[in-house]
Amino acid sequence: MKSTVAFVIVFSTMPLGGLASQPDNSKPKALIQEVKINDDIKKLLYPAIVAAKVNTVVTADLDGHVRKVYKTLGSRVKSGEIILFMANQDPAFTYSEVPVRSPISGVISQINFQLMAKIAKGEKLFTVMDAQSLKIEIELPASEVGRLQPGAKGSFRLNPKSEETFPIRVLGISPVIDPRSGTASAEAEFLPQVAGKDKINLPPVGTVGQVSFQLKTGKVILLPENSV
């Protein structure tokens, strides 16, 4: 599609050479200048935080005591690896030790028990997250929920003064507005690194930053300054 072109007529009494110091007895002149129609770009800025896409909470399947612990906070674990043993308090099982395994591979990000502590069925034991699979959680003001759409591309910056940015893409936006904060949640992902560039170290889980998007809101005509 060809771009739309307009023209503006500018009346000028300046000498042709542009030297205002020389006397000019000539009549005003009409100059025709080409004016192009440009996109009207609006920049949107929102607070954001880096989080893990996979974050699994493991709860107790029985009432019992924590008898043995094999992994500590921050430990890397594999899917199916034993994290702890619980002593089953049901007499039918003669207080047998029951293993509690990690459901995914990742890092233990939270521990909610102590050795020999009494645990009730359904109580939270620990949390495992995949620190290699990241997402960005964004908070949108309720008034701007309709402006941002899934698939929109933008950038994540650690702070307003930082020169390093990471390209991102919006995955989804919640239709629910939090009545306490007046905001809605959105999720984005980091885009793959550009081919030929060195490997990019993405910010770790918990990093607080800012996301920005540039959206086209329409068309504008920019007039030359001397035509006003």
Protein backbone atom coordinates (compact mmCIF):
# COMPACT_ATOMS: atom_id res chain seq x y z
CA MET A 1 0.00 0.00 0.00
CA LYS A 2 1.37 3.43 -0.93
CA SER A 3 1.69 6.02 1.82
CA THR A 4 -0.71 8.96 1.65
CA VAL A 5 0.94 12.25 0.69
CA ALA A 6 -0.42 15.76 1.21
CA PHE A 7 0.92 19.19 0.33
CA VAL A 8 0.98 22.45 2.27
CA ILE A 9 1.44 25.96 0.92
CA VAL A 10 3.85 28.13 2.92
CA PHE A 11 3.90 31.91 2.46
CA SER A 12 7.35 33.40 3.04
CA THR A 13 8.84 36.92 2.90
CA MET A 14 12.40 35.67 3.58
CA PRO A 15 15.04 36.25 0.90
CA LEU A 16 15.74 33.27 -1.30
CA GLY A 17 19.27 33.06 0.08
CA GLY A 18 17.96 32.87 3.66
CA LEU A 19 19.95 35.97 4.74
CA ALA A 20 17.65 38.08 6.87
CA SER A 21 20.28 40.84 7.13
CA GLN A 22 19.84 41.82 3.44
CA PRO A 23 16.96 44.08 2.51
CA ASP A 24 14.11 42.31 0.84
CA ASN A 25 11.76 44.31 -1.32
CA SER A 26 10.21 41.30 -3.00
CA LYS A 27 6.62 40.23 -2.50
CA PRO A 28 5.63 37.25 -0.31
CA LYS A 29 6.24 33.95 -2.05
CA ALA A 30 4.20 30.75 -1.96
CA LEU A 31 6.26 27.60 -1.40
CA ILE A 32 4.79 24.12 -1.80
CA GLN A 33 6.14 21.48 0.59
CA GLU A 34 5.32 17.77 0.72
CA VAL A 35 3.68 16.59 3.95
CA LYS A 36 3.56 12.88 4.86
CA ILE A 37 1.01 11.19 7.08
CA ASN A 38 2.72 9.29 9.91
CA ASP A 39 1.62 6.76 12.51
CA ASP A 40 0.59 8.16 15.88
CA ILE A 41 2.57 6.08 18.42
CA LYS A 42 1.62 5.86 22.10
CA LYS A 43 4.10 4.43 24.62
CA LEU A 44 2.69 2.29 27.44
CA LEU A 45 4.71 1.62 30.62
CA TYR A 46 3.79 -0.91 33.33
CA PRO A 47 5.50 -2.43 36.41
CA ALA A 48 6.44 -6.10 36.06
CA ILE A 49 8.24 -8.95 37.80
CA VAL A 50 10.04 -12.04 36.48
CA ALA A 51 8.50 -15.33 37.69
CA ALA A 52 8.80 -19.05 36.97
CA LYS A 53 6.34 -20.53 34.48
CA VAL A 54 6.32 -23.83 36.41
CA ASN A 55 5.91 -23.49 40.19
CA THR A 56 4.59 -26.65 41.90
CA VAL A 57 3.43 -26.88 45.52
CA VAL A 58 3.70 -30.32 47.14
CA THR A 59 1.30 -31.17 49.99
CA ALA A 60 1.14 -34.08 52.44
CA ASP A 61 -0.97 -37.07 51.42
CA LEU A 62 -1.31 -38.29 55.02
CA ASP A 63 -1.08 -37.31 58.68
CA GLY A 64 2.38 -37.96 60.08
CA HIS A 65 5.79 -36.71 61.15
CA VAL A 66 8.74 -35.68 59.01
CA ARG A 67 11.35 -38.34 59.76
CA LYS A 68 14.11 -37.83 57.19
CA VAL A 69 15.03 -34.87 54.96
CA TYR A 70 17.34 -35.27 51.95
CA LYS A 71 17.10 -31.86 50.29
CA THR A 72 17.37 -28.30 51.61
CA LEU A 73 16.20 -24.90 50.39
CA GLY A 74 17.78 -24.01 47.04
CA SER A 75 18.68 -27.61 46.18
CA ARG A 76 18.36 -28.74 42.58
CA VAL A 77 16.17 -31.80 42.22
CA LYS A 78 15.04 -34.14 39.47
CA SER A 79 11.54 -35.28 38.73
CA GLY A 80 10.70 -38.24 40.99
CA GLU A 81 13.61 -37.64 43.37
CA ILE A 82 12.90 -38.26 47.08
CA ILE A 83 12.85 -35.05 49.12
CA LEU A 84 11.80 -36.41 52.52
CA PHE A 85 10.23 -39.33 54.37
CA MET A 86 7.11 -39.09 56.53
CA ALA A 87 6.11 -41.57 59.24
CA ASN A 88 2.54 -42.70 58.64
CA GLN A 89 0.56 -42.41 61.90
CA ASP A 90 -2.15 -44.82 60.75
CA PRO A 91 -1.74 -48.03 62.86
CA ALA A 92 -2.80 -50.06 59.85
CA PHE A 93 0.53 -49.18 58.24
CA THR A 94 2.56 -49.82 61.45
CA TYR A 95 4.03 -46.33 61.23
CA SER A 96 5.82 -47.09 57.98
CA GLU A 97 7.95 -44.39 56.33
CA VAL A 98 6.44 -42.92 53.20
CA PRO A 99 8.67 -41.11 50.64
CA VAL A 100 7.64 -37.70 49.30
CA ARG A 101 9.03 -37.04 45.82
CA SER A 102 9.48 -33.97 43.65
CA PRO A 103 6.90 -33.93 40.82
CA ILE A 104 9.15 -31.89 38.49
CA SER A 105 12.81 -31.09 37.90
CA GLY A 106 13.87 -27.72 39.26
CA VAL A 107 14.91 -25.92 42.42
CA ILE A 108 13.33 -26.09 45.88
CA SER A 109 12.19 -22.50 46.34
CA GLN A 110 10.24 -22.86 49.58
CA ILE A 111 10.19 -25.25 52.55
CA ASN A 112 7.28 -25.35 55.01
CA PHE A 113 8.33 -28.08 57.42
CA GLN A 114 10.92 -28.95 60.07
CA LEU A 115 12.47 -32.28 60.90
CA MET A 116 10.19 -34.33 63.21
CA ALA A 117 7.40 -31.77 62.80
CA LYS A 118 3.83 -33.06 62.87
CA ILE A 119 2.15 -32.59 59.48
CA ALA A 120 -1.57 -32.80 58.75
CA LYS A 121 -2.93 -34.25 55.54
CA GLY A 122 -3.16 -31.55 52.87
CA GLU A 123 -0.64 -29.29 54.59
CA LYS A 124 1.97 -27.64 52.34
CA LEU A 125 5.42 -29.29 52.48
CA PHE A 126 7.60 -27.56 49.88
CA THR A 127 7.59 -25.78 46.51
CA VAL A 128 9.64 -26.64 43.44
CA MET A 129 10.09 -24.20 40.56
CA ASP A 130 11.71 -24.48 37.14
CA ALA A 131 14.05 -21.47 37.15
CA GLN A 132 14.93 -22.02 33.48
CA SER A 133 11.38 -21.47 32.23
CA LEU A 134 10.50 -17.82 32.83
CA LYS A 135 7.55 -15.51 32.38
CA ILE A 136 6.84 -11.84 33.13
CA GLU A 137 3.89 -10.89 35.33
CA ILE A 138 2.48 -7.44 34.49
CA GLU A 139 0.00 -5.24 36.36
CA LEU A 140 -2.28 -3.20 34.09
CA PRO A 141 -4.48 -0.29 35.22
CA ALA A 142 -8.15 -1.12 34.67
CA SER A 143 -8.49 1.83 32.28
CA GLU A 144 -5.84 0.42 29.93
CA VAL A 145 -6.79 -3.28 29.83
CA GLY A 146 -8.38 -2.91 26.38
CA ARG A 147 -5.33 -1.25 24.85
CA LEU A 148 -2.96 -4.18 25.24
CA GLN A 149 -3.69 -7.36 23.29
CA PRO A 150 -2.21 -10.90 23.36
CA GLY A 151 0.65 -11.10 20.88
CA ALA A 152 1.75 -7.49 21.41
CA LYS A 153 5.54 -7.16 21.42
CA GLY A 154 7.47 -4.90 23.77
CA SER A 155 10.54 -4.86 25.99
CA PHE A 156 11.48 -5.52 29.62
CA ARG A 157 13.91 -3.17 31.38
CA LEU A 158 15.41 -3.67 34.85
CA ASN A 159 15.00 0.02 35.69
CA PRO A 160 14.24 3.24 33.77
CA LYS A 161 17.96 4.17 33.60
CA SER A 162 19.16 0.75 32.44
CA GLU A 163 20.31 0.50 28.81
CA GLU A 164 19.83 -3.28 28.66
CA THR A 165 16.40 -4.41 27.45
CA PHE A 166 14.90 -7.81 26.68
CA PRO A 167 12.27 -8.33 23.93
CA ILE A 168 8.98 -9.80 25.17
CA ARG A 169 5.56 -10.84 23.86
CA VAL A 170 2.21 -10.77 25.68
CA LEU A 171 0.74 -14.24 26.22
CA GLY A 172 -2.57 -13.38 27.87
CA ILE A 173 -4.51 -10.82 29.89
CA SER A 174 -6.89 -11.57 32.74
CA PRO A 175 -10.43 -10.18 32.32
CA VAL A 176 -10.76 -9.90 36.12
CA ILE A 177 -10.06 -6.55 37.81
CA ASP A 178 -8.73 -6.63 41.36
CA PRO A 179 -11.10 -4.32 43.31
CA ARG A 180 -8.41 -3.52 45.89
CA SER A 181 -5.72 -2.33 43.45
CA GLY A 182 -7.84 -1.50 40.40
CA THR A 183 -5.49 -3.52 38.18
CA ALA A 184 -5.62 -6.63 36.01
CA SER A 185 -2.85 -9.20 35.56
CA ALA A 186 -1.13 -10.01 32.28
CA GLU A 187 1.55 -12.53 31.37
CA ALA A 188 4.35 -12.21 28.84
CA GLU A 189 7.29 -14.32 27.73
CA PHE A 190 10.86 -13.51 26.76
CA LEU A 191 11.40 -13.83 23.02
CA PRO A 192 14.17 -16.15 21.78
CA GLN A 193 17.56 -14.57 21.28
CA VAL A 194 18.42 -13.22 17.85
CA ALA A 195 20.41 -15.64 15.68
CA GLY A 196 24.09 -14.77 15.48
CA LYS A 197 24.20 -12.94 18.81
CA ASP A 198 25.89 -14.13 21.96
CA LYS A 199 23.76 -15.96 24.51
CA ILE A 200 21.67 -13.57 26.58
CA ASN A 201 21.52 -14.00 30.35
CA LEU A 202 17.90 -13.40 31.28
CA PRO A 203 17.09 -11.74 34.62
CA PRO A 204 16.47 -14.27 37.42
CA VAL A 205 13.16 -15.08 39.10
CA GLY A 206 12.05 -12.26 41.39
CA THR A 207 13.60 -9.44 39.35
CA VAL A 208 11.40 -6.33 39.43
CA GLY A 209 11.42 -4.10 36.37
CA GLN A 210 9.32 -2.23 33.83
CA VAL A 211 7.78 -3.27 30.52
CA SER A 212 7.07 -0.90 27.65
CA PHE A 213 4.97 -1.20 24.51
CA GLN A 214 4.55 1.10 21.51
CA LEU A 215 1.04 0.98 20.05
CA LYS A 216 -0.29 2.62 16.91
CA THR A 217 -3.37 4.68 17.74
CA GLY A 218 -4.03 6.24 14.34
CA LYS A 219 -2.56 8.63 11.78
CA VAL A 220 -1.26 12.20 12.17
CA ILE A 221 -0.09 14.91 9.77
CA LEU A 222 3.12 16.68 10.76
CA LEU A 223 3.21 20.23 9.40
CA PRO A 224 6.46 22.14 8.80
CA GLU A 225 7.20 24.64 11.55
CA ASN A 226 7.22 27.59 9.15
CA SER A 227 3.70 26.75 7.96
CA VAL A 228 2.10 27.55 11.32
